[in-house]
Amino acid sequence: MNRKRFPFKRLFFAYTFAILPFMLIVAVLSLLGITPIHANGKPFYGVQGFFIAILLIPFFGIIMGALNWIFLNLGDYLYSVVLDIWGNRKQEYREE
């Protein structure tokens, strides 16, 4: 029961592999000049757009994994604190 409930490594790989097929499609479309990749307000086509799309894959995984790791672990911690308080109150009422 003492294991981490939501390890960052699993969240990172989950988000990275979830976005991977979509970013590969966008990278190929950018390479072919069909759709641009926008970075810092500039559209990029061709090889630059392809590499920017490929480099965005792990950044998306890091950002989403970190945000969700914080929220899920904080929520799990608060949930366990509330259950401990609620569980102790139930025992106090039973003793009376």
PDB file of N, CA and C in Angstrom:
ATOM      1  N   MET A   1       0.815  -1.194   0.000  1.00  0.00           N
ATOM      2  CA  MET A   1       0.000   0.000   0.000  1.00  0.00           C
ATOM      3  C   MET A   1       0.859   1.259   0.000  1.00  0.00           C
ATOM      4  N   ASN A   2       2.131   1.146   0.270  1.00  0.00           N
ATOM      5  CA  ASN A   2       3.002   2.318   0.309  1.00  0.00           C
ATOM      6  C   ASN A   2       3.582   2.680  -1.049  1.00  0.00           C
ATOM      7  N   ARG A   3       3.195   1.980  -2.097  1.00  0.00           N
ATOM      8  CA  ARG A   3       3.736   2.303  -3.414  1.00  0.00           C
ATOM      9  C   ARG A   3       3.128   3.598  -3.927  1.00  0.00           C
ATOM     10  N   LYS A   4       3.844   4.237  -4.844  1.00  0.00           N
ATOM     11  CA  LYS A   4       3.330   5.476  -5.428  1.00  0.00           C
ATOM     12  C   LYS A   4       2.103   5.151  -6.259  1.00  0.00           C
ATOM     13  N   ARG A   5       1.067   5.928  -6.087  1.00  0.00           N
ATOM     14  CA  ARG A   5      -0.170   5.684  -6.818  1.00  0.00           C
ATOM     15  C   ARG A   5      -0.061   6.145  -8.275  1.00  0.00           C
ATOM     16  N   PHE A   6       0.561   7.288  -8.486  1.00  0.00           N
ATOM     17  CA  PHE A   6       0.663   7.860  -9.821  1.00  0.00           C
ATOM     18  C   PHE A   6       2.109   8.268 -10.090  1.00  0.00           C
ATOM     19  N   PRO A   7       2.964   7.332 -10.461  1.00  0.00           N
ATOM     20  CA  PRO A   7       4.362   7.701 -10.711  1.00  0.00           C
ATOM     21  C   PRO A   7       4.491   8.551 -11.979  1.00  0.00           C
ATOM     22  N   PHE A   8       5.401   9.517 -11.941  1.00  0.00           N
ATOM     23  CA  PHE A   8       5.607  10.426 -13.069  1.00  0.00           C
ATOM     24  C   PHE A   8       6.012   9.673 -14.329  1.00  0.00           C
ATOM     25  N   LYS A   9       6.820   8.646 -14.181  1.00  0.00           N
ATOM     26  CA  LYS A   9       7.317   7.901 -15.338  1.00  0.00           C
ATOM     27  C   LYS A   9       6.163   7.314 -16.157  1.00  0.00           C
ATOM     28  N   ARG A  10       5.184   6.728 -15.486  1.00  0.00           N
ATOM     29  CA  ARG A  10       4.042   6.142 -16.203  1.00  0.00           C
ATOM     30  C   ARG A  10       3.197   7.213 -16.871  1.00  0.00           C
ATOM     31  N   LEU A  11       3.001   8.337 -16.185  1.00  0.00           N
ATOM     32  CA  LEU A  11       2.230   9.425 -16.781  1.00  0.00           C
ATOM     33  C   LEU A  11       2.949  10.012 -17.993  1.00  0.00           C
ATOM     34  N   PHE A  12       4.264  10.184 -17.881  1.00  0.00           N
ATOM     35  CA  PHE A  12       5.049  10.726 -18.991  1.00  0.00           C
ATOM     36  C   PHE A  12       4.936   9.824 -20.223  1.00  0.00           C
ATOM     37  N   PHE A  13       5.141   8.529 -20.039  1.00  0.00           N
ATOM     38  CA  PHE A  13       5.071   7.620 -21.186  1.00  0.00           C
ATOM     39  C   PHE A  13       3.650   7.508 -21.730  1.00  0.00           C
ATOM     40  N   ALA A  14       2.655   7.578 -20.871  1.00  0.00           N
ATOM     41  CA  ALA A  14       1.270   7.516 -21.344  1.00  0.00           C
ATOM     42  C   ALA A  14       0.946   8.698 -22.243  1.00  0.00           C
ATOM     43  N   TYR A  15       1.304   9.895 -21.814  1.00  0.00           N
ATOM     44  CA  TYR A  15       1.025  11.081 -22.636  1.00  0.00           C
ATOM     45  C   TYR A  15       1.909  11.141 -23.877  1.00  0.00           C
ATOM     46  N   THR A  16       3.145  10.705 -23.758  1.00  0.00           N
ATOM     47  CA  THR A  16       4.036  10.721 -24.915  1.00  0.00           C
ATOM     48  C   THR A  16       3.531   9.790 -26.003  1.00  0.00           C
ATOM     49  N   PHE A  17       3.150   8.573 -25.631  1.00  0.00           N
ATOM     50  CA  PHE A  17       2.673   7.629 -26.640  1.00  0.00           C
ATOM     51  C   PHE A  17       1.257   7.945 -27.100  1.00  0.00           C
ATOM     52  N   ALA A  18       0.487   8.694 -26.310  1.00  0.00           N
ATOM     53  CA  ALA A  18      -0.852   9.096 -26.743  1.00  0.00           C
ATOM     54  C   ALA A  18      -0.780  10.152 -27.841  1.00  0.00           C
ATOM     55  N   ILE A  19       0.174  11.080 -27.737  1.00  0.00           N
ATOM     56  CA  ILE A  19       0.276  12.160 -28.726  1.00  0.00           C
ATOM     57  C   ILE A  19       1.125  11.745 -29.935  1.00  0.00           C
ATOM     58  N   LEU A  20       1.897  10.687 -29.800  1.00  0.00           N
ATOM     59  CA  LEU A  20       2.839  10.271 -30.840  1.00  0.00           C
ATOM     60  C   LEU A  20       2.206  10.089 -32.221  1.00  0.00           C
ATOM     61  N   PRO A  21       1.130   9.321 -32.387  1.00  0.00           N
ATOM     62  CA  PRO A  21       0.600   9.151 -33.758  1.00  0.00           C
ATOM     63  C   PRO A  21       0.099  10.449 -34.375  1.00  0.00           C
ATOM     64  N   PHE A  22      -0.517  11.317 -33.563  1.00  0.00           N
ATOM     65  CA  PHE A  22      -1.029  12.576 -34.093  1.00  0.00           C
ATOM     66  C   PHE A  22       0.101  13.509 -34.516  1.00  0.00           C
ATOM     67  N   MET A  23       1.133  13.579 -33.701  1.00  0.00           N
ATOM     68  CA  MET A  23       2.258  14.457 -34.039  1.00  0.00           C
ATOM     69  C   MET A  23       3.037  13.916 -35.243  1.00  0.00           C
ATOM     70  N   LEU A  24       3.111  12.611 -35.401  1.00  0.00           N
ATOM     71  CA  LEU A  24       3.770  12.054 -36.588  1.00  0.00           C
ATOM     72  C   LEU A  24       2.996  12.403 -37.850  1.00  0.00           C
ATOM     73  N   ILE A  25       1.675  12.358 -37.765  1.00  0.00           N
ATOM     74  CA  ILE A  25       0.856  12.741 -38.925  1.00  0.00           C
ATOM     75  C   ILE A  25       1.074  14.218 -39.251  1.00  0.00           C
ATOM     76  N   VAL A  26       1.060  15.065 -38.226  1.00  0.00           N
ATOM     77  CA  VAL A  26       1.277  16.498 -38.437  1.00  0.00           C
ATOM     78  C   VAL A  26       2.691  16.756 -38.965  1.00  0.00           C
ATOM     79  N   ALA A  27       3.679  16.002 -38.470  1.00  0.00           N
ATOM     80  CA  ALA A  27       5.055  16.168 -38.939  1.00  0.00           C
ATOM     81  C   ALA A  27       5.166  15.827 -40.423  1.00  0.00           C
ATOM     82  N   VAL A  28       4.537  14.751 -40.836  1.00  0.00           N
ATOM     83  CA  VAL A  28       4.584  14.352 -42.253  1.00  0.00           C
ATOM     84  C   VAL A  28       3.840  15.381 -43.110  1.00  0.00           C
ATOM     85  N   LEU A  29       2.695  15.866 -42.618  1.00  0.00           N
ATOM     86  CA  LEU A  29       1.961  16.879 -43.373  1.00  0.00           C
ATOM     87  C   LEU A  29       2.764  18.173 -43.498  1.00  0.00           C
ATOM     88  N   SER A  30       3.488  18.505 -42.465  1.00  0.00           N
ATOM     89  CA  SER A  30       4.345  19.687 -42.530  1.00  0.00           C
ATOM     90  C   SER A  30       5.504  19.465 -43.487  1.00  0.00           C
ATOM     91  N   LEU A  31       6.055  18.271 -43.465  1.00  0.00           N
ATOM     92  CA  LEU A  31       7.160  17.942 -44.372  1.00  0.00           C
ATOM     93  C   LEU A  31       6.717  18.044 -45.832  1.00  0.00           C
ATOM     94  N   LEU A  32       5.473  17.656 -46.104  1.00  0.00           N
ATOM     95  CA  LEU A  32       4.948  17.725 -47.465  1.00  0.00           C
ATOM     96  C   LEU A  32       4.436  19.122 -47.831  1.00  0.00           C
ATOM     97  N   GLY A  33       4.428  20.044 -46.867  1.00  0.00           N
ATOM     98  CA  GLY A  33       4.004  21.413 -47.145  1.00  0.00           C
ATOM     99  C   GLY A  33       2.507  21.610 -47.114  1.00  0.00           C
ATOM    100  N   ILE A  34       1.780  20.680 -46.517  1.00  0.00           N
ATOM    101  CA  ILE A  34       0.321  20.778 -46.491  1.00  0.00           C
ATOM    102  C   ILE A  34      -0.163  21.649 -45.334  1.00  0.00           C
ATOM    103  N   THR A  35       0.390  21.436 -44.159  1.00  0.00           N
ATOM    104  CA  THR A  35      -0.015  22.199 -42.986  1.00  0.00           C
ATOM    105  C   THR A  35       1.221  22.666 -42.218  1.00  0.00           C
ATOM    106  N   PRO A  36       1.172  23.872 -41.658  1.00  0.00           N
ATOM    107  CA  PRO A  36       2.353  24.359 -40.945  1.00  0.00           C
ATOM    108  C   PRO A  36       2.351  23.940 -39.475  1.00  0.00           C
ATOM    109  N   ILE A  37       3.509  24.006 -38.879  1.00  0.00           N
ATOM    110  CA  ILE A  37       3.677  23.892 -37.440  1.00  0.00           C
ATOM    111  C   ILE A  37       3.937  25.308 -36.949  1.00  0.00           C
ATOM    112  N   HIS A  38       3.125  25.769 -36.028  1.00  0.00           N
ATOM    113  CA  HIS A  38       3.292  27.127 -35.512  1.00  0.00           C
ATOM    114  C   HIS A  38       4.111  27.077 -34.236  1.00  0.00           C
ATOM    115  N   ALA A  39       5.230  27.811 -34.240  1.00  0.00           N
ATOM    116  CA  ALA A  39       6.082  27.933 -33.058  1.00  0.00           C
ATOM    117  C   ALA A  39       6.447  29.401 -32.908  1.00  0.00           C
ATOM    118  N   ASN A  40       6.174  29.960 -31.745  1.00  0.00           N
ATOM    119  CA  ASN A  40       6.418  31.382 -31.468  1.00  0.00           C
ATOM    120  C   ASN A  40       5.720  32.290 -32.472  1.00  0.00           C
ATOM    121  N   GLY A  41       4.543  31.887 -32.899  1.00  0.00           N
ATOM    122  CA  GLY A  41       3.762  32.708 -33.808  1.00  0.00           C
ATOM    123  C   GLY A  41       4.176  32.640 -35.261  1.00  0.00           C
ATOM    124  N   LYS A  42       5.170  31.823 -35.588  1.00  0.00           N
ATOM    125  CA  LYS A  42       5.623  31.698 -36.970  1.00  0.00           C
ATOM    126  C   LYS A  42       5.240  30.324 -37.510  1.00  0.00           C
ATOM    127  N   PRO A  43       4.778  30.271 -38.754  1.00  0.00           N
ATOM    128  CA  PRO A  43       4.499  28.970 -39.355  1.00  0.00           C
ATOM    129  C   PRO A  43       5.784  28.357 -39.927  1.00  0.00           C
ATOM    130  N   PHE A  44       5.954  27.071 -39.711  1.00  0.00           N
ATOM    131  CA  PHE A  44       7.112  26.354 -40.239  1.00  0.00           C
ATOM    132  C   PHE A  44       6.635  25.197 -41.109  1.00  0.00           C
ATOM    133  N   TYR A  45       7.210  25.112 -42.283  1.00  0.00           N
ATOM    134  CA  TYR A  45       6.922  24.037 -43.229  1.00  0.00           C
ATOM    135  C   TYR A  45       8.193  23.236 -43.474  1.00  0.00           C
ATOM    136  N   GLY A  46       8.041  22.108 -44.124  1.00  0.00           N
ATOM    137  CA  GLY A  46       9.190  21.331 -44.585  1.00  0.00           C
ATOM    138  C   GLY A  46       9.945  20.653 -43.463  1.00  0.00           C
ATOM    139  N   VAL A  47      11.260  20.603 -43.614  1.00  0.00           N
ATOM    140  CA  VAL A  47      12.117  19.891 -42.662  1.00  0.00           C
ATOM    141  C   VAL A  47      12.068  20.561 -41.292  1.00  0.00           C
ATOM    142  N   GLN A  48      12.043  21.892 -41.267  1.00  0.00           N
ATOM    143  CA  GLN A  48      11.960  22.592 -39.976  1.00  0.00           C
ATOM    144  C   GLN A  48      10.676  22.231 -39.235  1.00  0.00           C
ATOM    145  N   GLY A  49       9.569  22.245 -39.924  1.00  0.00           N
ATOM    146  CA  GLY A  49       8.292  21.882 -39.316  1.00  0.00           C
ATOM    147  C   GLY A  49       8.277  20.445 -38.842  1.00  0.00           C
ATOM    148  N   PHE A  50       8.906  19.563 -39.631  1.00  0.00           N
ATOM    149  CA  PHE A  50       8.979  18.148 -39.245  1.00  0.00           C
ATOM    150  C   PHE A  50       9.739  17.990 -37.929  1.00  0.00           C
ATOM    151  N   PHE A  51      10.902  18.610 -37.827  1.00  0.00           N
ATOM    152  CA  PHE A  51      11.714  18.465 -36.614  1.00  0.00           C
ATOM    153  C   PHE A  51      11.081  19.159 -35.410  1.00  0.00           C
ATOM    154  N   ILE A  52      10.415  20.268 -35.631  1.00  0.00           N
ATOM    155  CA  ILE A  52       9.728  20.933 -34.522  1.00  0.00           C
ATOM    156  C   ILE A  52       8.607  20.037 -33.998  1.00  0.00           C
ATOM    157  N   ALA A  53       7.850  19.413 -34.897  1.00  0.00           N
ATOM    158  CA  ALA A  53       6.775  18.514 -34.470  1.00  0.00           C
ATOM    159  C   ALA A  53       7.330  17.318 -33.703  1.00  0.00           C
ATOM    160  N   ILE A  54       8.449  16.767 -34.150  1.00  0.00           N
ATOM    161  CA  ILE A  54       9.055  15.622 -33.463  1.00  0.00           C
ATOM    162  C   ILE A  54       9.574  16.045 -32.087  1.00  0.00           C
ATOM    163  N   LEU A  55      10.158  17.233 -31.995  1.00  0.00           N
ATOM    164  CA  LEU A  55      10.681  17.708 -30.704  1.00  0.00           C
ATOM    165  C   LEU A  55       9.564  18.071 -29.726  1.00  0.00           C
ATOM    166  N   LEU A  56       8.388  18.390 -30.213  1.00  0.00           N
ATOM    167  CA  LEU A  56       7.272  18.716 -29.337  1.00  0.00           C
ATOM    168  C   LEU A  56       6.690  17.489 -28.638  1.00  0.00           C
ATOM    169  N   ILE A  57       6.927  16.308 -29.163  1.00  0.00           N
ATOM    170  CA  ILE A  57       6.351  15.091 -28.574  1.00  0.00           C
ATOM    171  C   ILE A  57       6.795  14.902 -27.124  1.00  0.00           C
ATOM    172  N   PRO A  58       8.108  14.880 -26.813  1.00  0.00           N
ATOM    173  CA  PRO A  58       8.476  14.684 -25.405  1.00  0.00           C
ATOM    174  C   PRO A  58       8.140  15.892 -24.525  1.00  0.00           C
ATOM    175  N   PHE A  59       8.141  17.105 -25.083  1.00  0.00           N
ATOM    176  CA  PHE A  59       7.767  18.267 -24.290  1.00  0.00           C
ATOM    177  C   PHE A  59       6.302  18.193 -23.857  1.00  0.00           C
ATOM    178  N   PHE A  60       5.452  17.731 -24.759  1.00  0.00           N
ATOM    179  CA  PHE A  60       4.046  17.533 -24.401  1.00  0.00           C
ATOM    180  C   PHE A  60       3.934  16.498 -23.285  1.00  0.00           C
ATOM    181  N   GLY A  61       4.690  15.401 -23.396  1.00  0.00           N
ATOM    182  CA  GLY A  61       4.665  14.373 -22.354  1.00  0.00           C
ATOM    183  C   GLY A  61       5.150  14.893 -21.016  1.00  0.00           C
ATOM    184  N   ILE A  62       6.204  15.703 -21.032  1.00  0.00           N
ATOM    185  CA  ILE A  62       6.738  16.265 -19.781  1.00  0.00           C
ATOM    186  C   ILE A  62       5.735  17.224 -19.142  1.00  0.00           C
ATOM    187  N   ILE A  63       5.185  18.126 -19.936  1.00  0.00           N
ATOM    188  CA  ILE A  63       4.270  19.127 -19.388  1.00  0.00           C
ATOM    189  C   ILE A  63       2.996  18.478 -18.861  1.00  0.00           C
ATOM    190  N   MET A  64       2.373  17.639 -19.660  1.00  0.00           N
ATOM    191  CA  MET A  64       1.124  17.009 -19.226  1.00  0.00           C
ATOM    192  C   MET A  64       1.371  16.027 -18.082  1.00  0.00           C
ATOM    193  N   GLY A  65       2.476  15.281 -18.157  1.00  0.00           N
ATOM    194  CA  GLY A  65       2.801  14.350 -17.081  1.00  0.00           C
ATOM    195  C   GLY A  65       3.048  15.067 -15.768  1.00  0.00           C
ATOM    196  N   ALA A  66       3.768  16.183 -15.802  1.00  0.00           N
ATOM    197  CA  ALA A  66       4.060  16.931 -14.578  1.00  0.00           C
ATOM    198  C   ALA A  66       2.790  17.540 -13.987  1.00  0.00           C
ATOM    199  N   LEU A  67       1.972  18.149 -14.824  1.00  0.00           N
ATOM    200  CA  LEU A  67       0.729  18.735 -14.316  1.00  0.00           C
ATOM    201  C   LEU A  67      -0.175  17.677 -13.702  1.00  0.00           C
ATOM    202  N   ASN A  68      -0.345  16.583 -14.397  1.00  0.00           N
ATOM    203  CA  ASN A  68      -1.217  15.535 -13.874  1.00  0.00           C
ATOM    204  C   ASN A  68      -0.619  14.836 -12.669  1.00  0.00           C
ATOM    205  N   TRP A  69       0.696  14.704 -12.620  1.00  0.00           N
ATOM    206  CA  TRP A  69       1.339  14.105 -11.448  1.00  0.00           C
ATOM    207  C   TRP A  69       1.062  14.952 -10.216  1.00  0.00           C
ATOM    208  N   ILE A  70       1.187  16.271 -10.365  1.00  0.00           N
ATOM    209  CA  ILE A  70       0.923  17.172  -9.237  1.00  0.00           C
ATOM    210  C   ILE A  70      -0.535  17.054  -8.803  1.00  0.00           C
ATOM    211  N   PHE A  71      -1.458  17.188  -9.743  1.00  0.00           N
ATOM    212  CA  PHE A  71      -2.871  17.172  -9.392  1.00  0.00           C
ATOM    213  C   PHE A  71      -3.328  15.821  -8.852  1.00  0.00           C
ATOM    214  N   LEU A  72      -2.933  14.730  -9.480  1.00  0.00           N
ATOM    215  CA  LEU A  72      -3.368  13.411  -9.027  1.00  0.00           C
ATOM    216  C   LEU A  72      -2.789  13.050  -7.671  1.00  0.00           C
ATOM    217  N   ASN A  73      -1.511  13.320  -7.455  1.00  0.00           N
ATOM    218  CA  ASN A  73      -0.916  12.992  -6.160  1.00  0.00           C
ATOM    219  C   ASN A  73      -1.424  13.909  -5.055  1.00  0.00           C
ATOM    220  N   LEU A  74      -1.657  15.180  -5.358  1.00  0.00           N
ATOM    221  CA  LEU A  74      -2.232  16.081  -4.369  1.00  0.00           C
ATOM    222  C   LEU A  74      -3.655  15.649  -4.024  1.00  0.00           C
ATOM    223  N   GLY A  75      -4.422  15.314  -5.027  1.00  0.00           N
ATOM    224  CA  GLY A  75      -5.785  14.837  -4.793  1.00  0.00           C
ATOM    225  C   GLY A  75      -5.814  13.542  -4.006  1.00  0.00           C
ATOM    226  N   ASP A  76      -4.911  12.627  -4.321  1.00  0.00           N
ATOM    227  CA  ASP A  76      -4.834  11.360  -3.578  1.00  0.00           C
ATOM    228  C   ASP A  76      -4.442  11.602  -2.128  1.00  0.00           C
ATOM    229  N   TYR A  77      -3.511  12.516  -1.896  1.00  0.00           N
ATOM    230  CA  TYR A  77      -3.089  12.843  -0.534  1.00  0.00           C
ATOM    231  C   TYR A  77      -4.249  13.457   0.257  1.00  0.00           C
ATOM    232  N   LEU A  78      -4.937  14.431  -0.350  1.00  0.00           N
ATOM    233  CA  LEU A  78      -6.061  15.061   0.337  1.00  0.00           C
ATOM    234  C   LEU A  78      -7.179  14.063   0.601  1.00  0.00           C
ATOM    235  N   TYR A  79      -7.411  13.179  -0.329  1.00  0.00           N
ATOM    236  CA  TYR A  79      -8.425  12.136  -0.153  1.00  0.00           C
ATOM    237  C   TYR A  79      -8.075  11.224   1.016  1.00  0.00           C
ATOM    238  N   SER A  80      -6.808  10.834   1.122  1.00  0.00           N
ATOM    239  CA  SER A  80      -6.404   9.968   2.232  1.00  0.00           C
ATOM    240  C   SER A  80      -6.490  10.713   3.565  1.00  0.00           C
ATOM    241  N   VAL A  81      -6.190  12.020   3.582  1.00  0.00           N
ATOM    242  CA  VAL A  81      -6.314  12.803   4.816  1.00  0.00           C
ATOM    243  C   VAL A  81      -7.780  12.887   5.236  1.00  0.00           C
ATOM    244  N   VAL A  82      -8.664  13.158   4.278  1.00  0.00           N
ATOM    245  CA  VAL A  82     -10.092  13.244   4.590  1.00  0.00           C
ATOM    246  C   VAL A  82     -10.607  11.897   5.091  1.00  0.00           C
ATOM    247  N   LEU A  83     -10.189  10.816   4.466  1.00  0.00           N
ATOM    248  CA  LEU A  83     -10.617   9.496   4.929  1.00  0.00           C
ATOM    249  C   LEU A  83     -10.105   9.196   6.324  1.00  0.00           C
ATOM    250  N   ASP A  84      -8.867   9.592   6.622  1.00  0.00           N
ATOM    251  CA  ASP A  84      -8.333   9.385   7.970  1.00  0.00           C
ATOM    252  C   ASP A  84      -9.122  10.176   9.003  1.00  0.00           C
ATOM    253  N   ILE A  85      -9.451  11.429   8.694  1.00  0.00           N
ATOM    254  CA  ILE A  85     -10.224  12.256   9.629  1.00  0.00           C
ATOM    255  C   ILE A  85     -11.624  11.680   9.795  1.00  0.00           C
ATOM    256  N   TRP A  86     -12.236  11.320   8.691  1.00  0.00           N
ATOM    257  CA  TRP A  86     -13.587  10.786   8.733  1.00  0.00           C
ATOM    258  C   TRP A  86     -13.619   9.438   9.444  1.00  0.00           C
ATOM    259  N   GLY A  87     -12.605   8.628   9.200  1.00  0.00           N
ATOM    260  CA  GLY A  87     -12.512   7.330   9.871  1.00  0.00           C
ATOM    261  C   GLY A  87     -12.326   7.483  11.367  1.00  0.00           C
ATOM    262  N   ASN A  88     -11.530   8.445  11.813  1.00  0.00           N
ATOM    263  CA  ASN A  88     -11.320   8.683  13.239  1.00  0.00           C
ATOM    264  C   ASN A  88     -12.591   9.206  13.894  1.00  0.00           C
ATOM    265  N   ARG A  89     -13.348  10.034  13.192  1.00  0.00           N
ATOM    266  CA  ARG A  89     -14.598  10.543  13.754  1.00  0.00           C
ATOM    267  C   ARG A  89     -15.609   9.421  13.907  1.00  0.00           C
ATOM    268  N   LYS A  90     -15.654   8.503  12.965  1.00  0.00           N
ATOM    269  CA  LYS A  90     -16.564   7.363  13.080  1.00  0.00           C
ATOM    270  C   LYS A  90     -16.230   6.543  14.317  1.00  0.00           C
ATOM    271  N   GLN A  91     -14.944   6.335  14.575  1.00  0.00           N
ATOM    272  CA  GLN A  91     -14.534   5.569  15.746  1.00  0.00           C
ATOM    273  C   GLN A  91     -14.869   6.305  17.029  1.00  0.00           C
ATOM    274  N   GLU A  92     -14.744   7.636  17.058  1.00  0.00           N
ATOM    275  CA  GLU A  92     -15.086   8.409  18.256  1.00  0.00           C
ATOM    276  C   GLU A  92     -16.560   8.277  18.570  1.00  0.00           C
ATOM    277  N   TYR A  93     -17.419   8.305  17.548  1.00  0.00           N
ATOM    278  CA  TYR A  93     -18.860   8.180  17.778  1.00  0.00           C
ATOM    279  C   TYR A  93     -19.226   6.773  18.241  1.00  0.00           C
ATOM    280  N   ARG A  94     -18.504   5.768  17.791  1.00  0.00           N
ATOM    281  CA  ARG A  94     -18.779   4.390  18.198  1.00  0.00           C
ATOM    282  C   ARG A  94     -18.421   4.157  19.656  1.00  0.00           C
ATOM    283  N   GLU A  95     -17.420   4.871  20.165  1.00  0.00           N
ATOM    284  CA  GLU A  95     -16.976   4.675  21.543  1.00  0.00           C
ATOM    285  C   GLU A  95     -17.981   5.240  22.537  1.00  0.00           C
ATOM    286  N   GLU A  96     -18.786   6.224  22.127  1.00  0.00           N
ATOM    287  CA  GLU A  96     -19.747   6.850  23.045  1.00  0.00           C
ATOM    288  C   GLU A  96     -20.912   6.005  23.321  1.00  0.00           C
TER     289      GLU A  96
END
